[in-house]
N, C-alpha and C. Protein backbone atom coordinates (compact mmCIF):
# COMPACT_ATOMS: atom_id res chain seq x y z
N MET A 1 -6.23 12.89 28.94
CA MET A 1 -5.72 12.36 27.71
C MET A 1 -6.32 10.99 27.39
N ARG A 2 -6.66 10.24 28.46
CA ARG A 2 -7.25 8.91 28.27
C ARG A 2 -8.62 9.01 27.58
N TRP A 3 -9.39 10.06 27.91
CA TRP A 3 -10.70 10.22 27.31
C TRP A 3 -10.59 10.48 25.81
N LEU A 4 -9.54 11.16 25.39
CA LEU A 4 -9.34 11.43 23.97
C LEU A 4 -9.05 10.13 23.21
N LEU A 5 -8.25 9.26 23.79
CA LEU A 5 -7.96 7.97 23.17
C LEU A 5 -9.23 7.13 23.07
N ASN A 6 -10.02 7.10 24.13
CA ASN A 6 -11.29 6.37 24.09
C ASN A 6 -12.24 6.94 23.05
N PHE A 7 -12.31 8.25 22.96
CA PHE A 7 -13.16 8.90 21.97
C PHE A 7 -12.71 8.54 20.56
N LEU A 8 -11.42 8.54 20.30
CA LEU A 8 -10.92 8.20 18.96
C LEU A 8 -11.17 6.74 18.62
N ILE A 9 -11.08 5.85 19.59
CA ILE A 9 -11.36 4.43 19.35
C ILE A 9 -12.84 4.23 19.01
N VAL A 10 -13.72 4.89 19.76
CA VAL A 10 -15.16 4.80 19.47
C VAL A 10 -15.47 5.41 18.11
N LEU A 11 -14.87 6.52 17.79
CA LEU A 11 -15.07 7.16 16.48
C LEU A 11 -14.58 6.26 15.35
N LEU A 12 -13.43 5.63 15.53
CA LEU A 12 -12.91 4.70 14.52
C LEU A 12 -13.84 3.51 14.34
N ALA A 13 -14.38 2.98 15.43
CA ALA A 13 -15.32 1.86 15.34
C ALA A 13 -16.59 2.26 14.59
N LEU A 14 -17.10 3.45 14.85
CA LEU A 14 -18.30 3.92 14.14
C LEU A 14 -18.03 4.13 12.66
N VAL A 15 -16.88 4.66 12.32
CA VAL A 15 -16.52 4.86 10.91
C VAL A 15 -16.38 3.52 10.20
N LEU A 16 -15.74 2.54 10.84
CA LEU A 16 -15.61 1.21 10.25
C LEU A 16 -16.97 0.55 10.07
N PHE A 17 -17.86 0.72 11.05
CA PHE A 17 -19.21 0.17 10.92
C PHE A 17 -19.94 0.80 9.74
N LEU A 18 -19.82 2.11 9.57
CA LEU A 18 -20.47 2.80 8.45
C LEU A 18 -19.90 2.34 7.11
N VAL A 19 -18.59 2.17 7.03
CA VAL A 19 -17.96 1.70 5.79
C VAL A 19 -18.44 0.29 5.46
N CYS A 20 -18.50 -0.59 6.46
CA CYS A 20 -18.98 -1.95 6.23
C CYS A 20 -20.44 -1.96 5.80
N LEU A 21 -21.25 -1.12 6.40
CA LEU A 21 -22.67 -1.03 6.02
C LEU A 21 -22.81 -0.54 4.58
N LEU A 22 -22.06 0.46 4.20
CA LEU A 22 -22.11 0.95 2.82
C LEU A 22 -21.59 -0.09 1.84
N PHE A 23 -20.59 -0.87 2.24
CA PHE A 23 -20.06 -1.93 1.40
C PHE A 23 -21.10 -3.01 1.18
N LEU A 24 -21.83 -3.37 2.24
CA LEU A 24 -22.89 -4.37 2.12
C LEU A 24 -24.02 -3.88 1.23
N LEU A 25 -24.40 -2.63 1.38
CA LEU A 25 -25.49 -2.09 0.57
C LEU A 25 -25.09 -1.89 -0.89
N GLY A 26 -23.81 -1.71 -1.14
CA GLY A 26 -23.33 -1.49 -2.50
C GLY A 26 -23.13 -2.77 -3.30
N ASN A 27 -23.14 -3.93 -2.65
CA ASN A 27 -22.93 -5.21 -3.33
C ASN A 27 -24.07 -6.18 -2.98
N PRO A 28 -25.29 -5.91 -3.47
CA PRO A 28 -26.42 -6.74 -3.04
C PRO A 28 -26.65 -8.00 -3.88
N GLN A 29 -25.94 -8.17 -5.00
CA GLN A 29 -26.24 -9.32 -5.86
C GLN A 29 -25.87 -10.62 -5.16
N PRO A 30 -26.80 -11.61 -5.21
CA PRO A 30 -26.54 -12.88 -4.53
C PRO A 30 -25.52 -13.73 -5.27
N ILE A 31 -24.63 -14.32 -4.52
CA ILE A 31 -23.57 -15.19 -5.05
C ILE A 31 -23.62 -16.50 -4.28
N ALA A 32 -23.53 -17.61 -5.01
CA ALA A 32 -23.50 -18.92 -4.35
C ALA A 32 -22.06 -19.34 -4.14
N LEU A 33 -21.77 -19.86 -2.98
CA LEU A 33 -20.44 -20.37 -2.67
C LEU A 33 -20.41 -21.84 -3.07
N GLU A 34 -19.60 -22.17 -4.06
CA GLU A 34 -19.54 -23.55 -4.56
C GLU A 34 -18.52 -24.34 -3.77
N LEU A 35 -19.03 -25.26 -2.97
CA LEU A 35 -18.18 -26.14 -2.18
C LEU A 35 -17.97 -27.42 -2.96
N LEU A 36 -16.74 -27.87 -3.06
CA LEU A 36 -16.43 -29.03 -3.88
C LEU A 36 -16.85 -30.35 -3.24
N VAL A 37 -16.98 -30.39 -1.94
CA VAL A 37 -17.25 -31.66 -1.26
C VAL A 37 -18.73 -31.89 -1.00
N THR A 38 -19.57 -30.89 -1.13
CA THR A 38 -20.99 -31.06 -0.87
C THR A 38 -21.81 -30.50 -2.02
N ALA A 39 -23.05 -30.93 -2.09
CA ALA A 39 -23.97 -30.38 -3.10
C ALA A 39 -24.66 -29.14 -2.58
N TRP A 40 -24.53 -28.86 -1.28
CA TRP A 40 -25.16 -27.70 -0.68
C TRP A 40 -24.37 -26.45 -1.05
N GLN A 41 -25.04 -25.46 -1.63
CA GLN A 41 -24.38 -24.22 -2.03
C GLN A 41 -25.05 -23.05 -1.33
N PRO A 42 -24.46 -22.57 -0.23
CA PRO A 42 -25.07 -21.43 0.46
C PRO A 42 -25.00 -20.18 -0.41
N GLU A 43 -26.05 -19.37 -0.32
CA GLU A 43 -26.12 -18.17 -1.15
C GLU A 43 -26.29 -16.95 -0.25
N ALA A 44 -25.52 -15.93 -0.53
CA ALA A 44 -25.60 -14.67 0.21
C ALA A 44 -25.10 -13.56 -0.71
N ALA A 45 -25.26 -12.33 -0.27
CA ALA A 45 -24.80 -11.19 -1.06
C ALA A 45 -23.27 -11.18 -1.10
N LEU A 46 -22.74 -10.64 -2.19
CA LEU A 46 -21.29 -10.59 -2.37
C LEU A 46 -20.61 -9.85 -1.23
N GLY A 47 -21.19 -8.74 -0.80
CA GLY A 47 -20.61 -7.98 0.30
C GLY A 47 -20.55 -8.78 1.59
N GLN A 48 -21.55 -9.61 1.83
CA GLN A 48 -21.55 -10.44 3.03
C GLN A 48 -20.44 -11.48 2.97
N TRP A 49 -20.25 -12.11 1.81
CA TRP A 49 -19.18 -13.10 1.68
C TRP A 49 -17.82 -12.45 1.91
N LEU A 50 -17.59 -11.31 1.29
CA LEU A 50 -16.29 -10.65 1.41
C LEU A 50 -16.01 -10.22 2.85
N LEU A 51 -17.01 -9.64 3.51
CA LEU A 51 -16.80 -9.24 4.90
C LEU A 51 -16.66 -10.44 5.83
N LEU A 52 -17.37 -11.52 5.53
CA LEU A 52 -17.24 -12.74 6.35
C LEU A 52 -15.83 -13.31 6.25
N PHE A 53 -15.29 -13.41 5.03
CA PHE A 53 -13.95 -13.94 4.88
C PHE A 53 -12.89 -12.98 5.41
N LEU A 54 -13.12 -11.67 5.31
CA LEU A 54 -12.20 -10.70 5.90
C LEU A 54 -12.19 -10.85 7.42
N LEU A 55 -13.37 -10.97 8.02
CA LEU A 55 -13.45 -11.15 9.47
C LEU A 55 -12.81 -12.46 9.90
N GLY A 56 -13.02 -13.52 9.12
CA GLY A 56 -12.39 -14.80 9.43
C GLY A 56 -10.87 -14.71 9.37
N GLY A 57 -10.34 -13.99 8.39
CA GLY A 57 -8.89 -13.81 8.29
C GLY A 57 -8.33 -12.99 9.43
N VAL A 58 -9.06 -11.96 9.82
CA VAL A 58 -8.60 -11.13 10.94
C VAL A 58 -8.58 -11.95 12.24
N VAL A 59 -9.63 -12.73 12.48
CA VAL A 59 -9.68 -13.54 13.69
C VAL A 59 -8.59 -14.61 13.67
N ALA A 60 -8.37 -15.25 12.52
CA ALA A 60 -7.31 -16.26 12.43
C ALA A 60 -5.93 -15.63 12.63
N GLY A 61 -5.70 -14.46 12.08
CA GLY A 61 -4.43 -13.77 12.27
C GLY A 61 -4.20 -13.37 13.72
N LEU A 62 -5.24 -12.87 14.37
CA LEU A 62 -5.11 -12.52 15.79
C LEU A 62 -4.83 -13.75 16.65
N ALA A 63 -5.53 -14.84 16.35
CA ALA A 63 -5.31 -16.07 17.13
C ALA A 63 -3.89 -16.59 16.91
N ALA A 64 -3.42 -16.58 15.67
CA ALA A 64 -2.06 -17.04 15.40
C ALA A 64 -1.03 -16.14 16.07
N GLY A 65 -1.25 -14.84 16.05
CA GLY A 65 -0.33 -13.91 16.70
C GLY A 65 -0.29 -14.08 18.20
N LEU A 66 -1.46 -14.26 18.81
CA LEU A 66 -1.50 -14.49 20.25
C LEU A 66 -0.84 -15.80 20.63
N LEU A 67 -1.07 -16.84 19.83
CA LEU A 67 -0.45 -18.13 20.08
C LEU A 67 1.07 -18.04 19.95
N LEU A 68 1.54 -17.37 18.92
CA LEU A 68 2.98 -17.22 18.72
C LEU A 68 3.61 -16.37 19.82
N ALA A 69 2.92 -15.32 20.23
CA ALA A 69 3.44 -14.49 21.32
C ALA A 69 3.50 -15.28 22.62
N GLY A 70 2.51 -16.14 22.86
CA GLY A 70 2.53 -16.98 24.06
C GLY A 70 3.65 -17.99 24.02
N VAL A 71 3.91 -18.57 22.86
CA VAL A 71 4.98 -19.56 22.73
C VAL A 71 6.33 -18.89 22.90
N LEU A 72 6.52 -17.71 22.34
CA LEU A 72 7.80 -17.03 22.45
C LEU A 72 8.05 -16.50 23.85
N ARG A 73 7.00 -16.30 24.64
CA ARG A 73 7.16 -15.78 25.99
C ARG A 73 7.40 -16.87 27.01
N LEU A 74 7.22 -18.14 26.64
CA LEU A 74 7.45 -19.24 27.57
C LEU A 74 8.92 -19.30 27.98
N PRO A 75 9.16 -19.57 29.26
CA PRO A 75 10.57 -19.70 29.68
C PRO A 75 11.17 -21.02 29.16
N ARG A 76 12.41 -20.95 28.75
CA ARG A 76 13.08 -22.14 28.25
C ARG A 76 13.72 -22.90 29.41
N ARG A 77 13.58 -24.22 29.41
CA ARG A 77 14.17 -25.04 30.47
C ARG A 77 15.59 -25.41 30.10
N ARG A 78 16.48 -25.34 31.08
CA ARG A 78 17.88 -25.74 30.86
C ARG A 78 18.05 -27.15 31.39
N SER A 79 18.69 -27.99 30.59
CA SER A 79 18.90 -29.36 31.05
C SER A 79 20.37 -29.71 31.16
């Protein structure tokens, strides 16, 4: 049964990779990110910006969840 779970996880990862690749290829127009504090405006494809910010949000959410789970699991001291 463990091999089936591993197979499904690998299959899901491949499907997500294919969807991201198709998303990147479908949005090739370059977009500049306008930063208010600098004159430097990095330019990349729209699909790259969207996937970058999605990945950043996922990583930030996972970090916040792990931090919160660690804080809630700490033993409380009685005084």
